[in-house]
Protein backbone atom coordinates (compact mmCIF):
# COMPACT_ATOMS: atom_id res chain seq x y z
CA MET A 1 -0.34 21.90 -13.84
CA LYS A 2 0.53 21.53 -10.16
CA VAL A 3 0.16 18.70 -7.65
CA VAL A 4 0.68 18.84 -3.91
CA HIS A 5 1.96 15.44 -2.85
CA PHE A 6 1.97 14.46 0.84
CA GLY A 7 4.77 12.02 1.61
CA ALA A 8 8.28 12.71 0.28
CA GLY A 9 9.62 9.28 1.17
CA ASN A 10 10.84 6.62 -1.21
CA ILE A 11 7.39 5.75 -2.58
CA GLY A 12 6.44 9.40 -2.94
CA ARG A 13 9.64 10.24 -4.84
CA GLY A 14 10.20 6.95 -6.65
CA PHE A 15 6.67 6.09 -7.75
CA VAL A 16 3.92 8.71 -7.52
CA GLY A 17 6.24 11.68 -7.90
CA LEU A 18 8.00 10.11 -10.86
CA LEU A 19 4.80 9.40 -12.79
CA LEU A 20 3.37 12.85 -12.08
CA HIS A 21 6.66 14.44 -13.17
CA ASP A 22 6.52 12.43 -16.39
CA SER A 23 2.97 13.73 -16.89
CA GLY A 24 4.11 17.36 -16.79
CA TYR A 25 3.11 18.31 -13.24
CA GLU A 26 5.05 20.66 -11.03
CA ILE A 27 5.30 18.79 -7.73
CA VAL A 28 5.11 20.36 -4.29
CA PHE A 29 6.29 17.70 -1.85
CA ALA A 30 4.86 18.08 1.67
CA ASP A 31 6.27 16.09 4.58
CA VAL A 32 7.01 16.45 8.30
CA ALA A 33 10.56 15.06 7.99
CA ASP A 34 12.51 18.30 8.29
CA ALA A 35 15.88 17.01 7.10
CA LEU A 36 14.31 15.38 4.04
CA ILE A 37 12.35 18.51 3.14
CA SER A 38 15.46 20.67 3.54
CA GLU A 39 17.41 18.35 1.26
CA LEU A 40 14.65 18.36 -1.36
CA ASP A 41 14.28 22.12 -1.13
CA ALA A 42 17.98 22.57 -1.85
CA ALA A 43 18.08 20.07 -4.73
CA GLN A 44 17.45 20.71 -8.40
CA SER A 45 16.71 17.06 -9.20
CA TYR A 46 17.02 13.45 -8.05
CA GLN A 47 17.27 10.13 -9.85
CA VAL A 48 15.07 7.05 -9.82
CA HIS A 49 16.98 3.82 -10.52
CA GLU A 50 14.65 1.19 -11.99
CA VAL A 51 16.19 -2.28 -11.54
CA GLY A 52 15.25 -5.55 -13.18
CA GLN A 53 14.22 -6.27 -16.75
CA GLY A 54 14.44 -3.06 -18.78
CA ALA A 55 16.47 -1.26 -16.10
CA GLN A 56 17.00 2.47 -16.55
CA VAL A 57 17.74 5.66 -14.63
CA ARG A 58 15.12 8.45 -14.64
CA THR A 59 15.62 12.06 -13.56
CA VAL A 60 12.94 14.01 -11.66
CA ASP A 61 13.02 17.80 -11.51
CA ASN A 62 10.53 20.70 -11.41
CA PHE A 63 9.64 20.20 -7.75
CA ARG A 64 9.55 22.19 -4.53
CA ALA A 65 9.28 21.04 -0.92
CA LEU A 66 7.42 22.28 2.17
CA ASN A 67 7.31 21.10 5.77
CA SER A 68 3.66 20.29 6.43
CA ALA A 69 4.17 20.66 10.20
CA THR A 70 5.98 24.01 10.32
CA GLN A 71 4.79 25.57 7.03
CA LYS A 72 1.10 24.75 7.23
CA ASP A 73 -0.09 28.06 5.80
CA ALA A 74 2.17 27.67 2.78
CA VAL A 75 0.95 24.13 2.15
CA ILE A 76 -2.69 25.25 2.42
CA ALA A 77 -2.01 28.08 -0.04
CA GLU A 78 -0.48 25.62 -2.53
CA ILE A 79 -3.49 23.31 -2.24
CA ALA A 80 -5.87 26.22 -2.79
CA ASN A 81 -4.64 26.68 -6.36
CA ALA A 82 -3.35 23.20 -7.20
CA ASP A 83 -4.88 20.89 -9.78
CA MET A 84 -4.36 17.74 -7.74
CA VAL A 85 -3.47 16.41 -4.29
CA THR A 86 -1.97 12.96 -3.84
CA THR A 87 -0.68 11.11 -0.80
CA ALA A 88 1.77 8.32 0.00
CA VAL A 89 1.95 8.63 3.77
CA GLY A 90 0.39 5.41 5.05
CA PRO A 91 -3.34 4.99 5.71
CA HIS A 92 -3.02 5.78 9.43
CA ILE A 93 -1.51 9.20 8.65
CA LEU A 94 -4.33 10.38 6.36
CA LYS A 95 -6.24 11.86 9.28
CA PHE A 96 -3.28 14.17 9.97
CA VAL A 97 -3.04 15.57 6.43
CA ALA A 98 -6.83 15.92 6.04
CA PRO A 99 -7.08 19.27 7.92
CA LEU A 100 -4.58 20.87 5.53
CA ILE A 101 -6.49 19.58 2.53
CA ALA A 102 -9.78 20.75 4.04
CA ALA A 103 -8.38 24.24 4.62
CA GLY A 104 -6.99 24.32 1.09
CA ILE A 105 -10.38 23.39 -0.35
CA ALA A 106 -12.08 26.04 1.79
CA GLY A 107 -9.71 28.70 0.42
CA ARG A 108 -10.07 27.62 -3.18
CA ASP A 109 -11.53 30.04 -5.72
CA ALA A 110 -14.95 28.90 -6.88
CA GLY A 111 -13.95 29.48 -10.50
CA LEU A 112 -11.22 26.83 -10.44
CA ALA A 113 -11.82 23.28 -11.59
CA PRO A 114 -12.44 20.85 -8.71
CA LEU A 115 -9.33 19.76 -6.85
CA GLN A 116 -8.57 16.13 -7.74
CA VAL A 117 -7.71 14.21 -4.56
CA MET A 118 -6.23 10.70 -4.60
CA ALA A 119 -4.75 8.72 -1.71
CA CYS A 120 -2.13 6.38 -3.16
CA GLU A 121 -1.88 4.07 -0.17
CA ASN A 122 -1.48 0.37 0.42
CA ALA A 123 -5.06 0.03 1.67
CA ILE A 124 -8.49 -0.65 0.22
CA ASN A 125 -10.36 2.55 -0.71
CA ALA A 126 -7.89 4.79 1.09
CA THR A 127 -9.28 7.88 -0.63
CA ASP A 128 -12.63 7.22 1.04
CA ILE A 129 -10.82 7.34 4.40
CA LEU A 130 -9.19 10.62 3.45
CA GLU A 131 -12.44 12.11 2.15
CA ALA A 132 -14.27 11.24 5.37
CA ALA A 133 -11.53 12.94 7.40
CA VAL A 134 -11.65 16.04 5.18
CA ARG A 135 -15.44 16.27 5.48
CA ALA A 136 -15.22 15.87 9.26
CA ASP A 137 -12.95 18.92 9.55
CA ASP A 138 -14.59 22.12 10.79
CA SER A 139 -12.60 24.35 8.43
CA VAL A 140 -14.65 23.48 5.36
CA ALA A 141 -18.39 23.22 4.75
CA ALA A 142 -19.88 20.16 3.09
CA ASP A 143 -21.19 22.14 0.12
CA ALA A 144 -17.71 23.62 -0.43
CA VAL A 145 -16.22 20.13 -0.59
CA ASP A 146 -18.95 19.07 -3.02
CA ALA A 147 -18.30 22.05 -5.28
CA LYS A 148 -14.54 22.42 -5.08
CA ALA A 149 -13.11 18.88 -4.86
CA LEU A 150 -13.49 15.35 -6.12
CA PHE A 151 -12.09 12.18 -4.59
CA ALA A 152 -10.99 9.11 -6.54
CA ASN A 153 -9.88 5.79 -5.10
CA THR A 154 -6.77 4.18 -6.50
CA ALA A 155 -4.84 0.91 -6.39
CA VAL A 156 -1.07 1.29 -6.46
CA ASP A 157 1.68 -1.27 -6.82
CA ARG A 158 5.44 -0.85 -6.99
CA ILE A 159 8.09 -2.49 -4.85
CA VAL A 160 10.28 0.21 -3.32
CA PRO A 161 12.75 -1.53 -0.98
CA ASN A 162 14.87 -0.09 1.80
CA GLN A 163 17.51 2.06 0.17
CA ALA A 164 21.26 1.60 0.34
CA PRO A 165 23.12 4.00 2.65
CA GLY A 166 24.37 7.16 1.01
CA GLN A 167 21.83 7.35 -1.82
CA GLY A 168 20.56 10.72 -0.68
CA LEU A 169 17.39 11.65 -2.55
CA ASP A 170 17.91 9.01 -5.25
CA VAL A 171 15.53 6.05 -5.10
CA THR A 172 15.86 2.44 -6.26
CA VAL A 173 12.63 0.77 -7.43
CA GLU A 174 11.60 -2.21 -9.49
CA THR A 175 10.76 -1.64 -13.16
CA PHE A 176 7.19 -2.95 -12.76
CA PHE A 177 4.45 -0.64 -11.51
CA GLU A 178 0.67 -0.37 -11.61
CA TRP A 179 -1.51 2.64 -10.77
CA VAL A 180 -5.20 1.94 -11.33
CA ILE A 181 -7.63 4.82 -10.76
CA ASP A 182 -11.42 4.96 -10.50
CA ARG A 183 -12.54 6.93 -13.54
CA THR A 184 -16.09 7.71 -12.39
CA PRO A 185 -15.51 10.74 -10.09
CA PHE A 186 -13.79 12.68 -12.90
CA ALA A 187 -16.72 12.72 -15.36
CA ASP A 188 -15.30 14.35 -18.52
CA ALA A 189 -12.17 15.72 -16.81
CA VAL A 190 -10.04 12.58 -16.48
CA PRO A 191 -6.42 13.68 -15.92
CA GLU A 192 -3.61 12.44 -18.13
CA ILE A 193 -1.17 10.54 -15.91
CA SER A 194 1.68 8.68 -17.55
CA GLY A 195 1.35 4.93 -16.97
CA ALA A 196 -1.92 5.11 -15.00
CA THR A 197 -4.95 3.01 -15.92
CA PHE A 198 -8.46 4.39 -15.41
CA VAL A 199 -11.30 1.91 -14.85
CA ASP A 200 -15.03 2.13 -14.16
CA ASP A 201 -14.94 -0.46 -11.37
CA LEU A 202 -11.89 -0.38 -9.15
CA ALA A 203 -12.88 -3.08 -6.65
CA PRO A 204 -11.61 -6.08 -8.65
CA TYR A 205 -8.22 -4.46 -9.17
CA ILE A 206 -7.86 -3.42 -5.54
CA GLU A 207 -8.50 -6.95 -4.31
CA ARG A 208 -6.44 -8.53 -7.09
CA LYS A 209 -3.45 -6.47 -5.99
CA LEU A 210 -4.08 -6.99 -2.26
CA PHE A 211 -4.71 -10.74 -2.50
CA THR A 212 -1.90 -11.41 -4.98
CA VAL A 213 0.92 -8.92 -4.48
CA ASN A 214 0.45 -8.14 -0.79
CA THR A 215 -0.56 -11.66 0.21
CA GLY A 216 2.30 -13.16 -1.77
CA HIS A 217 4.90 -10.68 -0.55
CA ALA A 218 3.97 -11.15 3.11
CA THR A 219 3.85 -14.94 2.66
CA THR A 220 7.37 -14.87 1.23
CA ALA A 221 8.53 -12.77 4.18
CA TYR A 222 7.07 -14.96 6.92
CA LEU A 223 8.09 -18.26 5.36
CA GLY A 224 11.53 -16.85 4.54
CA TYR A 225 11.92 -15.63 8.12
CA ALA A 226 10.95 -19.06 9.43
CA ALA A 227 13.58 -20.61 7.15
CA GLY A 228 16.29 -18.27 8.45
CA LEU A 229 16.69 -16.42 5.15
CA GLU A 230 17.52 -12.72 4.88
CA LYS A 231 16.22 -11.32 1.60
CA ILE A 232 12.92 -11.79 -0.22
CA SER A 233 14.83 -12.95 -3.30
CA ASP A 234 16.70 -15.48 -1.14
CA ALA A 235 13.37 -16.86 0.04
CA MET A 236 12.06 -17.13 -3.52
CA ASN A 237 15.21 -19.01 -4.53
CA ASP A 238 14.43 -21.62 -1.86
CA PRO A 239 12.39 -24.31 -3.65
CA GLN A 240 10.24 -25.09 -0.62
CA VAL A 241 9.38 -21.46 0.08
CA PHE A 242 8.70 -20.79 -3.59
CA ALA A 243 6.32 -23.74 -3.80
CA LYS A 244 4.42 -22.60 -0.71
CA VAL A 245 4.10 -19.02 -2.00
CA ALA A 246 2.87 -20.34 -5.34
CA ALA A 247 0.32 -22.50 -3.52
CA VAL A 248 -1.00 -19.47 -1.60
CA LEU A 249 -1.41 -17.52 -4.83
CA ALA A 250 -3.17 -20.47 -6.44
CA GLU A 251 -5.76 -20.25 -3.66
CA THR A 252 -6.22 -16.49 -3.98
CA LYS A 253 -6.36 -16.85 -7.76
CA SER A 254 -9.28 -19.25 -7.49
CA LEU A 255 -11.12 -16.76 -5.27
CA LEU A 256 -10.50 -13.81 -7.60
CA VAL A 257 -11.54 -15.77 -10.68
CA SER A 258 -14.79 -16.93 -9.08
CA LYS A 259 -15.58 -13.58 -7.44
CA TYR A 260 -14.78 -11.11 -10.23
CA GLY A 261 -14.74 -13.17 -13.39
CA PHE A 262 -11.09 -12.61 -14.27
CA ALA A 263 -10.11 -15.04 -17.00
CA GLU A 264 -8.16 -17.86 -15.37
CA ALA A 265 -5.33 -17.56 -17.91
CA GLU A 266 -5.15 -13.80 -17.33
CA GLN A 267 -4.94 -14.21 -13.57
CA GLU A 268 -2.39 -17.01 -13.87
CA ALA A 269 -0.21 -14.73 -16.02
CA TYR A 270 -0.54 -12.04 -13.34
CA VAL A 271 0.48 -14.55 -10.65
CA GLN A 272 3.55 -15.62 -12.63
CA LYS A 273 4.56 -11.98 -13.11
CA ILE A 274 4.28 -11.40 -9.37
CA LEU A 275 6.37 -14.47 -8.55
CA ALA A 276 9.05 -13.23 -10.94
CA ARG A 277 8.99 -9.79 -9.31
CA PHE A 278 9.59 -11.24 -5.85
CA SER A 279 12.57 -13.16 -7.26
CA ASN A 280 14.27 -9.98 -8.53
CA GLU A 281 17.76 -10.21 -7.05
CA HIS A 282 18.37 -6.52 -7.70
CA LEU A 283 15.87 -5.61 -4.98
CA PRO A 284 17.52 -5.77 -1.54
CA ASP A 285 14.24 -6.11 0.38
CA THR A 286 14.55 -8.19 3.54
CA VAL A 287 12.03 -10.59 5.03
CA VAL A 288 12.06 -8.58 8.26
CA ARG A 289 11.09 -5.32 6.52
CA VAL A 290 8.34 -6.89 4.42
CA GLY A 291 7.03 -8.90 7.37
CA ARG A 292 6.78 -5.98 9.78
CA ALA A 293 3.39 -5.09 11.31
CA PRO A 294 1.99 -8.65 11.45
CA LEU A 295 -1.10 -7.61 13.43
CA ARG A 296 -2.23 -5.35 10.60
CA LYS A 297 -1.47 -8.02 8.03
CA LEU A 298 -3.48 -10.61 10.01
CA SER A 299 -6.49 -8.32 10.56
CA ARG A 300 -9.98 -9.12 9.29
CA ARG A 301 -10.02 -7.43 5.87
CA GLU A 302 -6.35 -7.76 5.12
CA ARG A 303 -4.22 -9.99 2.91
CA PHE A 304 -4.53 -13.31 4.81
CA ILE A 305 -7.80 -13.40 6.71
CA GLY A 306 -9.65 -11.55 3.94
CA PRO A 307 -9.24 -14.15 1.17
CA ALA A 308 -9.10 -17.13 3.54
CA ALA A 309 -12.43 -16.13 5.10
CA GLU A 310 -14.12 -15.89 1.71
CA LEU A 311 -12.75 -19.26 0.64
CA ALA A 312 -13.94 -20.81 3.90
CA GLN A 313 -17.39 -19.37 3.29
CA GLN A 314 -17.35 -21.14 -0.07
CA GLY A 315 -16.61 -24.41 1.70
CA VAL A 316 -12.96 -24.43 0.62
CA LYS A 317 -10.27 -25.06 3.24
CA PRO A 318 -7.45 -22.54 2.51
CA VAL A 319 -4.61 -24.93 3.34
CA ALA A 320 -1.73 -22.85 1.95
CA LEU A 321 -3.05 -19.60 3.41
CA LEU A 322 -3.37 -21.24 6.81
CA GLU A 323 0.26 -22.35 6.69
CA ALA A 324 1.31 -18.80 5.82
CA MET A 325 -0.77 -17.47 8.73
CA GLY A 326 0.95 -19.92 11.05
CA ALA A 327 4.32 -18.50 9.98
CA ALA A 328 3.01 -14.96 10.49
CA LEU A 329 1.91 -15.80 14.04
CA ARG A 330 5.47 -16.93 14.79
CA PHE A 331 7.09 -13.78 13.35
CA ASN A 332 9.03 -12.26 16.24
CA ALA A 333 11.51 -9.95 14.59
CA PRO A 334 13.32 -7.69 17.09
CA GLU A 335 12.26 -4.03 17.14
CA ASP A 336 8.93 -4.75 15.42
CA THR A 337 6.39 -3.29 17.83
CA GLU A 338 3.45 -5.20 16.38
CA ALA A 339 5.33 -8.49 16.60
CA ALA A 340 5.98 -7.73 20.27
CA GLU A 341 2.33 -6.80 20.81
CA MET A 342 1.20 -10.00 19.10
CA ALA A 343 3.48 -12.04 21.36
CA VAL A 344 1.82 -10.47 24.41
CA ILE A 345 -1.65 -11.25 23.06
CA LEU A 346 -0.65 -14.87 22.46
CA ALA A 347 0.92 -15.17 25.91
CA GLU A 348 -1.84 -13.54 27.97
CA ASN A 349 -5.03 -14.86 26.33
CA THR A 350 -6.70 -18.16 25.64
CA SER A 351 -6.48 -19.36 22.06
CA VAL A 352 -10.07 -18.33 21.41
CA GLU A 353 -9.50 -14.85 22.83
CA ALA A 354 -6.24 -14.42 20.95
CA THR A 355 -7.78 -15.57 17.68
CA ALA A 356 -10.60 -13.05 18.02
CA LYS A 357 -8.27 -10.20 18.97
CA ILE A 358 -5.75 -10.84 16.21
CA THR A 359 -8.09 -11.69 13.33
CA GLY A 360 -11.35 -9.91 14.12
CA LEU A 361 -13.24 -13.05 13.10
CA ASP A 362 -16.53 -13.96 14.75
CA ALA A 363 -16.41 -17.27 16.60
CA GLU A 364 -19.17 -18.60 14.31
CA HIS A 365 -17.21 -17.93 11.12
CA PRO A 366 -16.12 -21.11 9.29
CA LEU A 367 -12.50 -19.93 9.34
CA PHE A 368 -12.39 -19.25 13.08
CA ASP A 369 -11.75 -22.79 14.32
CA LEU A 370 -9.07 -23.36 11.69
CA VAL A 371 -7.15 -20.27 12.79
CA ASN A 372 -7.76 -21.11 16.44
CA GLU A 373 -5.90 -24.39 15.89
CA LEU A 374 -2.94 -22.42 14.51
CA VAL A 375 -2.99 -20.15 17.55
CA LYS A 376 -3.09 -23.16 19.89
CA ALA A 377 -0.05 -24.61 18.15
CA VAL A 378 1.89 -21.36 18.48
CA GLN A 379 0.95 -21.03 22.15
CA ALA A 380 2.06 -24.59 22.77
CA GLY A 381 5.45 -23.74 21.32
């Protein structure tokens, strides 16, 4: 079995690549980072250091590496006879890898089983984004895509922090992970992937992860930054920050329970597990790294506005989420381009204009005025 995996960074090597290796796949890493690809190409193996409860060191081998910018034909040829394609490149990069996947599908022998394509990104229904980009490419006909490929959405979760200098290809990750995959596109050909969970309805799990893990992680970052703390674990060891993060997750828990019917005790156990993960002192993640890209995190369907808007529509004022959003609006970490862009928006627009631009909310939405008050406060200094 062979998988072509786009994205040879820490998540690609330390999460997706590890699980696919454990499942018996030969991995062809594809990336545009020339130095990284050269290092992978010359290596026989690398190690994944899992830290936290049940810590262990895992070895990954049986891989090759190609530069997807300078070795396009080779990547396309690998896709044409692969069993699977996965990605961990970031949702905004999917449109750049789609032409290679489209060409690989076009060159695929009709007698092969359909290529299984999964985007393992930190975004809702990222595989749908990738599929749309593949189908929009002129190199492959729609009926060829229908016959030769299938696309399955996934929800992925593993904290992979910035790595210590000098680690080379080795990756440090937390012991916890979750990879939930939509079973329905596979029919009777569901792949065996070590540690993955296949479900018939992915939506509840996507939002549970986004509104618990991502919301909680970003909340910890922005509140920790406001408190002058460096690491995520430092923030979680601050009683005031911890209490505020827990309050945010209590609000998102109530939404998830009412919306999807998760048992309250089950969701509470999930929340407590997430809080413990953020407190893992073995993970060197900083509040600046986790808080980066605040404009994306404050956008309409993302981790703050998404759940807060739904709660407001239910007539519930999302007090804790609003406080976290206020901290996000004040995030001004140096060298973060989105933080700088957000500062310009706040400086050059009225509060109403800035609220609309940052959040994407309609002025008539019940959350709009509440966020507008936050924006006014930030603009007032």
